């Protein structure tokens, strides 16, 4: 085998084996809906026992994990930031508006109770513009949400690269 072929094979193998490490991927969807409105969604994912994750295809066979998203969405100049729970371990982790407790931490700062509204599968962060500005200025973000049983979910997100999507949000009409 010549050196170029060996070099390409070794490089491919190195990237194949290194791709199992955690990265901070942002999945961005920017489109017009059927009503002509600009619509932008920016997501990243955290998987229990794996951390922040960018290979969702690999999760297809892992139904025992909790998958938590950090989502920023803009449609018709309405900005939303929320964490969605795509898998739950049990019904005990269900959150509701009246009894949910959500704590957040930006960088290495103090833990704060952040006001939210919630559904059984997501918490929506209130004071959205302040929350997003804080995210954009931070390197990391942690969230812990507990339901009325005391059980809940927690995730840690690295925010590198997020500030690069300000113009994407502005293109859908959201001021950042």
N, C-alpha and C. Protein backbone atom coordinates (compact mmCIF):
# COMPACT_ATOMS: atom_id res chain seq x y z
N UNK A 1 0.83 -1.18 0.00
CA UNK A 1 0.00 0.00 0.00
C UNK A 1 0.87 1.24 0.00
N UNK A 2 0.44 2.23 -0.74
CA UNK A 2 1.26 3.43 -0.75
C UNK A 2 0.97 4.29 0.48
N UNK A 3 1.82 5.25 0.72
CA UNK A 3 1.74 6.05 1.94
C UNK A 3 0.46 6.87 2.02
N UNK A 4 -0.03 7.40 0.90
CA UNK A 4 -1.24 8.20 0.92
C UNK A 4 -2.43 7.36 1.37
N UNK A 5 -2.57 6.14 0.88
CA UNK A 5 -3.68 5.28 1.25
C UNK A 5 -3.61 4.94 2.73
N UNK A 6 -2.42 4.61 3.22
CA UNK A 6 -2.25 4.29 4.64
C UNK A 6 -2.57 5.52 5.50
N UNK A 7 -2.11 6.67 5.07
CA UNK A 7 -2.37 7.90 5.81
C UNK A 7 -3.87 8.19 5.88
N UNK A 8 -4.58 8.04 4.77
CA UNK A 8 -6.03 8.28 4.73
C UNK A 8 -6.74 7.27 5.63
N UNK A 9 -6.35 6.01 5.58
CA UNK A 9 -6.98 4.99 6.43
C UNK A 9 -6.76 5.27 7.90
N UNK A 10 -5.54 5.63 8.28
CA UNK A 10 -5.26 5.93 9.68
C UNK A 10 -6.01 7.16 10.15
N UNK A 11 -6.08 8.18 9.31
CA UNK A 11 -6.83 9.39 9.66
C UNK A 11 -8.31 9.07 9.83
N UNK A 12 -8.86 8.27 8.92
CA UNK A 12 -10.27 7.87 9.01
C UNK A 12 -10.53 7.09 10.29
N UNK A 13 -9.65 6.16 10.62
CA UNK A 13 -9.82 5.39 11.85
C UNK A 13 -9.71 6.29 13.08
N UNK A 14 -8.80 7.23 13.06
CA UNK A 14 -8.64 8.14 14.20
C UNK A 14 -9.91 8.95 14.41
N UNK A 15 -10.48 9.48 13.32
CA UNK A 15 -11.71 10.25 13.45
C UNK A 15 -12.88 9.36 13.84
N UNK A 16 -12.91 8.13 13.36
CA UNK A 16 -13.99 7.21 13.71
C UNK A 16 -13.98 6.93 15.20
N UNK A 17 -12.82 6.64 15.76
CA UNK A 17 -12.75 6.32 17.18
C UNK A 17 -12.86 7.57 18.05
N UNK A 18 -12.43 8.70 17.57
CA UNK A 18 -12.54 9.91 18.37
C UNK A 18 -13.94 10.49 18.33
N UNK A 19 -14.79 10.05 17.42
CA UNK A 19 -16.14 10.61 17.31
C UNK A 19 -17.05 10.18 18.46
N UNK A 20 -16.59 9.26 19.29
CA UNK A 20 -17.39 8.86 20.43
C UNK A 20 -17.27 9.84 21.59
N UNK A 21 -16.38 10.79 21.47
CA UNK A 21 -16.24 11.77 22.55
C UNK A 21 -17.38 12.78 22.48
N UNK A 22 -17.63 13.43 23.59
CA UNK A 22 -18.72 14.39 23.68
C UNK A 22 -18.32 15.66 22.94
N UNK A 23 -19.24 16.21 22.18
CA UNK A 23 -19.00 17.50 21.53
C UNK A 23 -20.17 18.42 21.82
N UNK A 24 -20.05 19.65 21.41
CA UNK A 24 -21.09 20.62 21.67
C UNK A 24 -21.74 21.04 20.36
N UNK A 25 -22.48 20.16 19.77
CA UNK A 25 -23.10 20.45 18.48
C UNK A 25 -24.40 21.23 18.67
N UNK A 26 -24.61 22.16 17.78
CA UNK A 26 -25.86 22.90 17.74
C UNK A 26 -26.56 22.50 16.44
N UNK A 27 -27.78 22.06 16.55
CA UNK A 27 -28.58 21.69 15.39
C UNK A 27 -29.50 22.87 15.08
N UNK A 28 -29.39 23.40 13.87
CA UNK A 28 -30.12 24.61 13.51
C UNK A 28 -31.04 24.32 12.34
N UNK A 29 -32.29 24.74 12.50
CA UNK A 29 -33.26 24.64 11.42
C UNK A 29 -33.83 26.04 11.19
N UNK A 30 -33.71 26.52 9.96
CA UNK A 30 -34.21 27.84 9.60
C UNK A 30 -35.04 27.68 8.33
N UNK A 31 -36.32 28.01 8.42
CA UNK A 31 -37.20 27.81 7.26
C UNK A 31 -38.42 28.72 7.36
N UNK A 32 -39.21 28.70 6.33
CA UNK A 32 -40.51 29.37 6.34
C UNK A 32 -41.57 28.31 6.53
N UNK A 33 -42.56 28.62 7.37
CA UNK A 33 -43.65 27.66 7.55
C UNK A 33 -44.69 27.85 6.45
N UNK A 34 -45.75 27.11 6.51
CA UNK A 34 -46.79 27.15 5.47
C UNK A 34 -47.53 28.49 5.42
N UNK A 35 -47.36 29.32 6.44
CA UNK A 35 -48.02 30.62 6.47
C UNK A 35 -47.08 31.75 6.08
N UNK A 36 -45.85 31.40 5.69
CA UNK A 36 -44.88 32.39 5.26
C UNK A 36 -44.07 33.01 6.37
N UNK A 37 -44.20 32.50 7.58
CA UNK A 37 -43.44 33.04 8.72
C UNK A 37 -42.05 32.42 8.77
N UNK A 38 -41.06 33.25 9.09
CA UNK A 38 -39.72 32.73 9.32
C UNK A 38 -39.72 31.97 10.65
N UNK A 39 -39.05 30.84 10.66
CA UNK A 39 -39.06 29.95 11.81
C UNK A 39 -37.66 29.42 12.03
N UNK A 40 -37.10 29.64 13.22
CA UNK A 40 -35.76 29.17 13.53
C UNK A 40 -35.80 28.35 14.82
N UNK A 41 -35.13 27.22 14.78
CA UNK A 41 -34.97 26.40 15.98
C UNK A 41 -33.50 26.04 16.11
N UNK A 42 -32.96 26.25 17.32
CA UNK A 42 -31.57 25.91 17.62
C UNK A 42 -31.59 24.95 18.80
N UNK A 43 -31.01 23.76 18.63
CA UNK A 43 -31.04 22.72 19.67
C UNK A 43 -29.65 22.19 19.97
N UNK A 44 -29.48 21.74 21.19
CA UNK A 44 -28.39 20.87 21.57
C UNK A 44 -28.97 19.86 22.55
N UNK A 45 -28.28 18.75 22.75
CA UNK A 45 -28.84 17.65 23.54
C UNK A 45 -27.88 17.17 24.61
N UNK A 46 -28.45 16.75 25.71
CA UNK A 46 -27.71 16.15 26.81
C UNK A 46 -28.30 14.76 27.05
N UNK A 47 -27.43 13.78 27.20
CA UNK A 47 -27.88 12.41 27.43
C UNK A 47 -27.33 11.95 28.77
N UNK A 48 -28.22 11.46 29.64
CA UNK A 48 -27.75 10.98 30.94
C UNK A 48 -26.68 9.92 30.72
N UNK A 49 -25.68 9.95 31.52
CA UNK A 49 -24.53 9.04 31.48
C UNK A 49 -23.58 9.29 30.31
N UNK A 50 -23.92 10.16 29.37
CA UNK A 50 -23.03 10.46 28.26
C UNK A 50 -22.61 11.92 28.22
N UNK A 51 -23.46 12.81 28.71
CA UNK A 51 -23.19 14.24 28.66
C UNK A 51 -23.78 14.85 27.40
N UNK A 52 -23.29 16.02 27.03
CA UNK A 52 -23.77 16.69 25.84
C UNK A 52 -23.38 15.86 24.63
N UNK A 53 -24.25 15.74 23.68
CA UNK A 53 -24.13 14.70 22.67
C UNK A 53 -24.56 15.22 21.32
N UNK A 54 -23.92 14.76 20.24
CA UNK A 54 -24.33 15.24 18.93
C UNK A 54 -24.66 14.13 17.94
N UNK A 55 -24.68 12.87 18.36
CA UNK A 55 -25.01 11.78 17.45
C UNK A 55 -26.33 11.14 17.88
N UNK A 56 -27.43 11.76 17.47
CA UNK A 56 -28.75 11.28 17.90
C UNK A 56 -29.10 9.92 17.30
N UNK A 57 -28.52 9.58 16.17
CA UNK A 57 -28.78 8.29 15.54
C UNK A 57 -28.35 7.14 16.46
N UNK A 58 -27.25 7.34 17.18
CA UNK A 58 -26.74 6.30 18.07
C UNK A 58 -27.70 6.03 19.24
N UNK A 59 -28.58 6.99 19.53
CA UNK A 59 -29.50 6.82 20.65
C UNK A 59 -30.71 5.95 20.33
N UNK A 60 -30.88 5.58 19.10
CA UNK A 60 -32.07 4.82 18.70
C UNK A 60 -32.27 3.56 19.52
N UNK A 61 -31.19 2.89 19.90
CA UNK A 61 -31.30 1.65 20.65
C UNK A 61 -31.16 1.85 22.16
N UNK A 62 -31.09 3.08 22.63
CA UNK A 62 -30.87 3.36 24.04
C UNK A 62 -32.11 3.97 24.66
N UNK A 63 -33.09 3.17 24.99
CA UNK A 63 -34.32 3.70 25.55
C UNK A 63 -34.26 3.87 27.07
N UNK A 64 -33.14 3.51 27.69
CA UNK A 64 -33.01 3.65 29.14
C UNK A 64 -32.39 4.99 29.54
N UNK A 65 -32.07 5.81 28.59
CA UNK A 65 -31.41 7.08 28.87
C UNK A 65 -32.43 8.22 28.88
N UNK A 66 -32.09 9.28 29.57
CA UNK A 66 -32.90 10.48 29.53
C UNK A 66 -32.22 11.44 28.55
N UNK A 67 -32.96 11.87 27.57
CA UNK A 67 -32.46 12.81 26.56
C UNK A 67 -33.10 14.16 26.83
N UNK A 68 -32.27 15.16 27.09
CA UNK A 68 -32.76 16.50 27.42
C UNK A 68 -32.25 17.46 26.37
N UNK A 69 -33.15 18.28 25.86
CA UNK A 69 -32.73 19.26 24.86
C UNK A 69 -32.69 20.65 25.50
N UNK A 70 -31.84 21.47 24.95
CA UNK A 70 -31.87 22.91 25.21
C UNK A 70 -32.24 23.51 23.87
N UNK A 71 -33.41 24.13 23.82
CA UNK A 71 -33.96 24.61 22.55
C UNK A 71 -34.23 26.10 22.61
N UNK A 72 -33.83 26.79 21.55
CA UNK A 72 -34.13 28.20 21.36
C UNK A 72 -34.96 28.27 20.08
N UNK A 73 -36.14 28.86 20.19
CA UNK A 73 -37.04 28.88 19.03
C UNK A 73 -37.58 30.29 18.83
N UNK A 74 -37.62 30.71 17.56
CA UNK A 74 -38.18 32.00 17.19
C UNK A 74 -39.14 31.81 16.03
N UNK A 75 -40.36 32.29 16.21
CA UNK A 75 -41.35 32.27 15.14
C UNK A 75 -42.23 33.51 15.31
N UNK A 76 -42.45 34.21 14.22
CA UNK A 76 -43.28 35.42 14.26
C UNK A 76 -42.86 36.37 15.37
N UNK A 77 -41.55 36.56 15.50
CA UNK A 77 -40.95 37.47 16.48
C UNK A 77 -41.19 37.05 17.93
N UNK A 78 -41.63 35.83 18.14
CA UNK A 78 -41.82 35.31 19.50
C UNK A 78 -40.66 34.38 19.82
N UNK A 79 -39.95 34.70 20.88
CA UNK A 79 -38.77 33.95 21.30
C UNK A 79 -39.14 33.02 22.45
N UNK A 80 -38.73 31.77 22.36
CA UNK A 80 -38.92 30.80 23.44
C UNK A 80 -37.60 30.08 23.69
N UNK A 81 -37.32 29.81 24.95
CA UNK A 81 -36.17 28.98 25.32
C UNK A 81 -36.71 27.94 26.28
N UNK A 82 -36.44 26.68 25.99
CA UNK A 82 -36.97 25.63 26.85
C UNK A 82 -36.07 24.40 26.84
N UNK A 83 -36.26 23.58 27.85
CA UNK A 83 -35.60 22.27 27.93
C UNK A 83 -36.69 21.23 27.82
N UNK A 84 -36.55 20.36 26.83
CA UNK A 84 -37.52 19.30 26.61
C UNK A 84 -36.95 17.97 27.05
N UNK A 85 -37.81 17.11 27.54
CA UNK A 85 -37.42 15.78 28.00
C UNK A 85 -37.97 14.78 27.00
N UNK A 86 -37.10 14.19 26.21
CA UNK A 86 -37.53 13.32 25.13
C UNK A 86 -37.69 11.87 25.56
N UNK A 87 -37.08 11.48 26.65
CA UNK A 87 -37.27 10.16 27.25
C UNK A 87 -37.36 10.38 28.75
N UNK A 88 -38.21 9.65 29.43
CA UNK A 88 -38.23 9.74 30.89
C UNK A 88 -38.08 8.35 31.47
N UNK A 89 -37.47 8.27 32.62
CA UNK A 89 -37.25 6.99 33.28
C UNK A 89 -38.55 6.45 33.86
N UNK A 90 -39.36 7.32 34.43
CA UNK A 90 -40.63 6.89 35.01
C UNK A 90 -41.60 8.06 35.04
N UNK A 91 -42.83 7.77 35.35
CA UNK A 91 -43.82 8.83 35.47
C UNK A 91 -43.55 9.76 36.63
N UNK A 92 -42.69 9.36 37.55
CA UNK A 92 -42.37 10.18 38.71
C UNK A 92 -41.60 11.44 38.35
N UNK A 93 -41.02 11.49 37.16
CA UNK A 93 -40.24 12.67 36.77
C UNK A 93 -41.09 13.74 36.10
N UNK A 94 -42.38 13.49 35.94
CA UNK A 94 -43.26 14.43 35.25
C UNK A 94 -43.33 15.74 36.04
N UNK A 95 -43.25 16.84 35.31
CA UNK A 95 -43.29 18.16 35.90
C UNK A 95 -44.63 18.80 35.60
N UNK A 96 -45.10 19.63 36.52
CA UNK A 96 -46.28 20.43 36.22
C UNK A 96 -46.07 21.83 36.78
N UNK A 97 -46.87 22.78 36.31
CA UNK A 97 -46.67 24.18 36.68
C UNK A 97 -46.73 24.42 38.18
N UNK A 98 -47.62 23.75 38.87
CA UNK A 98 -47.86 24.09 40.27
C UNK A 98 -46.78 23.60 41.21
N UNK A 99 -46.08 22.53 40.88
CA UNK A 99 -45.18 21.96 41.85
C UNK A 99 -43.76 21.74 41.33
N UNK A 100 -43.45 22.25 40.17
CA UNK A 100 -42.12 22.07 39.62
C UNK A 100 -41.13 23.04 40.23
N UNK A 101 -39.93 22.59 40.43
CA UNK A 101 -38.85 23.43 40.93
C UNK A 101 -37.71 23.32 39.93
N UNK A 102 -37.29 24.44 39.38
CA UNK A 102 -36.21 24.43 38.39
C UNK A 102 -35.10 25.34 38.89
N UNK A 103 -33.90 24.76 38.95
CA UNK A 103 -32.72 25.51 39.34
C UNK A 103 -31.78 25.56 38.14
N UNK A 104 -31.13 26.71 37.98
CA UNK A 104 -30.17 26.88 36.89
C UNK A 104 -28.87 27.42 37.45
N UNK A 105 -27.81 27.20 36.68
CA UNK A 105 -26.49 27.70 37.06
C UNK A 105 -25.75 28.06 35.77
N UNK A 106 -25.25 29.28 35.70
CA UNK A 106 -24.49 29.73 34.54
C UNK A 106 -23.02 29.78 34.93
N UNK A 107 -22.18 29.18 34.10
CA UNK A 107 -20.74 29.09 34.38
C UNK A 107 -20.55 28.47 35.76
N UNK A 108 -19.69 29.05 36.56
CA UNK A 108 -19.48 28.55 37.92
C UNK A 108 -20.18 29.42 38.95
N UNK A 109 -21.24 30.10 38.51
CA UNK A 109 -21.96 31.01 39.40
C UNK A 109 -22.82 30.29 40.42
N UNK A 110 -23.61 31.06 41.09
CA UNK A 110 -24.51 30.53 42.11
C UNK A 110 -25.72 29.86 41.46
N UNK A 111 -26.26 28.88 42.17
CA UNK A 111 -27.49 28.22 41.74
C UNK A 111 -28.64 29.20 41.95
N UNK A 112 -29.50 29.33 40.93
CA UNK A 112 -30.64 30.24 41.00
C UNK A 112 -31.93 29.47 40.72
N UNK A 113 -32.99 29.86 41.37
CA UNK A 113 -34.31 29.36 41.01
C UNK A 113 -34.82 30.27 39.90
N UNK A 114 -35.03 29.70 38.71
CA UNK A 114 -35.46 30.52 37.58
C UNK A 114 -36.96 30.30 37.36
N UNK A 115 -37.72 31.36 37.12
CA UNK A 115 -39.15 31.17 36.88
C UNK A 115 -39.39 30.44 35.55
N UNK A 116 -40.29 29.48 35.59
CA UNK A 116 -40.60 28.68 34.41
C UNK A 116 -42.10 28.42 34.34
N UNK A 117 -42.53 28.03 33.18
CA UNK A 117 -43.82 27.37 33.02
C UNK A 117 -43.48 26.01 32.45
N UNK A 118 -44.27 25.01 32.79
CA UNK A 118 -43.88 23.67 32.37
C UNK A 118 -45.06 22.86 31.86
N UNK A 119 -44.71 21.86 31.10
CA UNK A 119 -45.64 20.84 30.62
C UNK A 119 -45.06 19.52 31.11
N UNK A 120 -45.75 18.41 30.93
CA UNK A 120 -45.16 17.14 31.36
C UNK A 120 -43.85 16.78 30.64
N UNK A 121 -43.55 17.44 29.53
CA UNK A 121 -42.34 17.06 28.80
C UNK A 121 -41.36 18.21 28.56
N UNK A 122 -41.59 19.39 29.16
CA UNK A 122 -40.68 20.51 28.94
C UNK A 122 -40.87 21.58 30.00
N UNK A 123 -39.79 22.36 30.21
CA UNK A 123 -39.90 23.58 31.01
C UNK A 123 -39.51 24.74 30.12
N UNK A 124 -40.35 25.78 30.13
CA UNK A 124 -40.12 26.99 29.35
C UNK A 124 -39.61 28.07 30.29
N UNK A 125 -38.42 28.60 29.98
CA UNK A 125 -37.81 29.61 30.83
C UNK A 125 -38.48 30.95 30.61
N UNK A 126 -38.96 31.56 31.69
CA UNK A 126 -39.59 32.87 31.61
C UNK A 126 -38.51 33.94 31.60
N UNK A 127 -38.92 35.20 31.42
CA UNK A 127 -37.97 36.30 31.24
C UNK A 127 -37.01 35.90 30.11
N UNK A 128 -37.59 35.51 29.00
CA UNK A 128 -36.87 34.85 27.92
C UNK A 128 -35.68 35.64 27.40
N UNK A 129 -35.85 36.92 27.16
CA UNK A 129 -34.73 37.70 26.60
C UNK A 129 -33.56 37.79 27.59
N UNK A 130 -33.87 37.98 28.86
CA UNK A 130 -32.81 38.02 29.87
C UNK A 130 -32.13 36.66 29.95
N UNK A 131 -32.94 35.61 29.92
CA UNK A 131 -32.39 34.25 29.99
C UNK A 131 -31.46 33.99 28.80
N UNK A 132 -31.92 34.32 27.59
CA UNK A 132 -31.10 34.08 26.40
C UNK A 132 -29.82 34.92 26.42
N UNK A 133 -29.91 36.18 26.81
CA UNK A 133 -28.70 37.01 26.90
C UNK A 133 -27.70 36.42 27.88
N UNK A 134 -28.21 35.85 28.98
CA UNK A 134 -27.32 35.22 29.95
C UNK A 134 -26.69 33.97 29.35
N UNK A 135 -27.47 33.18 28.62
CA UNK A 135 -26.92 32.01 27.93
C UNK A 135 -25.82 32.41 26.95
N UNK A 136 -26.10 33.43 26.15
CA UNK A 136 -25.15 33.86 25.12
C UNK A 136 -23.83 34.37 25.72
N UNK A 137 -23.89 34.90 26.92
CA UNK A 137 -22.70 35.43 27.57
C UNK A 137 -21.97 34.37 28.41
N UNK A 138 -22.53 33.16 28.47
CA UNK A 138 -21.98 32.11 29.34
C UNK A 138 -21.25 31.05 28.54
N UNK A 139 -20.37 30.34 29.23
CA UNK A 139 -19.65 29.22 28.63
C UNK A 139 -20.33 27.89 28.93
N UNK A 140 -21.09 27.85 30.04
CA UNK A 140 -21.78 26.61 30.40
C UNK A 140 -23.09 26.94 31.11
N UNK A 141 -23.98 25.96 31.09
CA UNK A 141 -25.31 26.12 31.69
C UNK A 141 -25.72 24.77 32.26
N UNK A 142 -26.19 24.78 33.49
CA UNK A 142 -26.70 23.56 34.11
C UNK A 142 -28.14 23.81 34.54
N UNK A 143 -28.96 22.78 34.41
CA UNK A 143 -30.37 22.88 34.83
C UNK A 143 -30.73 21.62 35.61
N UNK A 144 -31.52 21.83 36.65
CA UNK A 144 -32.05 20.71 37.43
C UNK A 144 -33.53 20.99 37.66
N UNK A 145 -34.37 20.07 37.24
CA UNK A 145 -35.81 20.23 37.39
C UNK A 145 -36.35 19.06 38.20
N UNK A 146 -37.16 19.40 39.20
CA UNK A 146 -37.73 18.37 40.05
C UNK A 146 -39.24 18.50 40.07
N UNK A 147 -39.92 17.36 39.98
CA UNK A 147 -41.36 17.33 40.09
C UNK A 147 -41.79 17.26 41.54
N UNK A 148 -43.07 17.08 41.76
CA UNK A 148 -43.60 17.07 43.13
C UNK A 148 -43.13 15.87 43.95
N UNK A 149 -42.62 14.83 43.31
CA UNK A 149 -42.13 13.66 44.05
C UNK A 149 -40.69 13.85 44.52
N UNK A 150 -40.04 14.90 44.05
CA UNK A 150 -38.64 15.12 44.39
C UNK A 150 -37.71 14.52 43.36
N UNK A 151 -38.22 13.65 42.50
CA UNK A 151 -37.41 13.07 41.43
C UNK A 151 -37.39 14.05 40.27
N UNK A 152 -36.39 13.96 39.46
CA UNK A 152 -36.33 14.87 38.34
C UNK A 152 -35.18 14.57 37.42
N UNK A 153 -34.78 15.57 36.68
CA UNK A 153 -33.72 15.42 35.70
C UNK A 153 -32.74 16.58 35.83
N UNK A 154 -31.52 16.34 35.39
CA UNK A 154 -30.50 17.38 35.41
C UNK A 154 -29.64 17.25 34.16
N UNK A 155 -29.12 18.36 33.70
CA UNK A 155 -28.28 18.36 32.51
C UNK A 155 -27.27 19.50 32.60
N UNK A 156 -26.12 19.30 31.97
CA UNK A 156 -25.06 20.30 31.88
C UNK A 156 -24.76 20.53 30.40
N UNK A 157 -24.82 21.77 29.98
CA UNK A 157 -24.58 22.10 28.58
C UNK A 157 -23.38 23.01 28.45
N UNK A 158 -22.52 22.73 27.49
CA UNK A 158 -21.46 23.64 27.10
C UNK A 158 -22.05 24.53 26.01
N UNK A 159 -21.82 25.82 26.10
CA UNK A 159 -22.50 26.78 25.22
C UNK A 159 -21.60 27.34 24.12
N UNK A 160 -20.43 26.76 23.92
CA UNK A 160 -19.53 27.28 22.90
C UNK A 160 -20.21 27.22 21.53
N UNK A 161 -20.06 28.29 20.80
CA UNK A 161 -20.64 28.38 19.46
C UNK A 161 -22.05 28.95 19.41
N UNK A 162 -22.74 29.01 20.54
CA UNK A 162 -24.12 29.48 20.53
C UNK A 162 -24.23 30.94 20.09
N UNK A 163 -23.32 31.78 20.54
CA UNK A 163 -23.42 33.20 20.20
C UNK A 163 -23.30 33.44 18.69
N UNK A 164 -22.78 32.49 17.95
CA UNK A 164 -22.68 32.60 16.50
C UNK A 164 -24.02 32.55 15.79
N UNK A 165 -25.09 32.22 16.52
CA UNK A 165 -26.41 32.11 15.91
C UNK A 165 -27.31 33.31 16.19
N UNK A 166 -26.76 34.39 16.71
CA UNK A 166 -27.56 35.60 16.94
C UNK A 166 -28.22 36.09 15.66
N UNK A 167 -27.45 36.14 14.58
CA UNK A 167 -28.00 36.65 13.31
C UNK A 167 -29.08 35.71 12.77
N UNK A 168 -28.97 34.42 13.04
CA UNK A 168 -30.00 33.47 12.62
C UNK A 168 -31.31 33.77 13.32
N UNK A 169 -31.24 34.06 14.61
CA UNK A 169 -32.45 34.41 15.36
C UNK A 169 -33.02 35.75 14.88
N UNK A 170 -32.14 36.70 14.60
CA UNK A 170 -32.59 38.01 14.11
C UNK A 170 -33.29 37.87 12.76
N UNK A 171 -32.83 36.93 11.92
CA UNK A 171 -33.45 36.73 10.60
C UNK A 171 -34.89 36.25 10.72
N UNK A 172 -35.25 35.67 11.86
CA UNK A 172 -36.63 35.23 12.07
C UNK A 172 -37.42 36.28 12.85
N UNK A 173 -36.81 37.44 13.11
CA UNK A 173 -37.52 38.54 13.73
C UNK A 173 -37.36 38.68 15.23
N UNK A 174 -36.50 37.88 15.84
CA UNK A 174 -36.30 37.97 17.29
C UNK A 174 -35.09 38.83 17.59
N UNK A 175 -35.28 39.81 18.45
CA UNK A 175 -34.14 40.63 18.87
C UNK A 175 -33.41 39.92 19.99
N UNK A 176 -32.10 39.98 19.90
CA UNK A 176 -31.27 39.30 20.89
C UNK A 176 -30.36 40.32 21.55
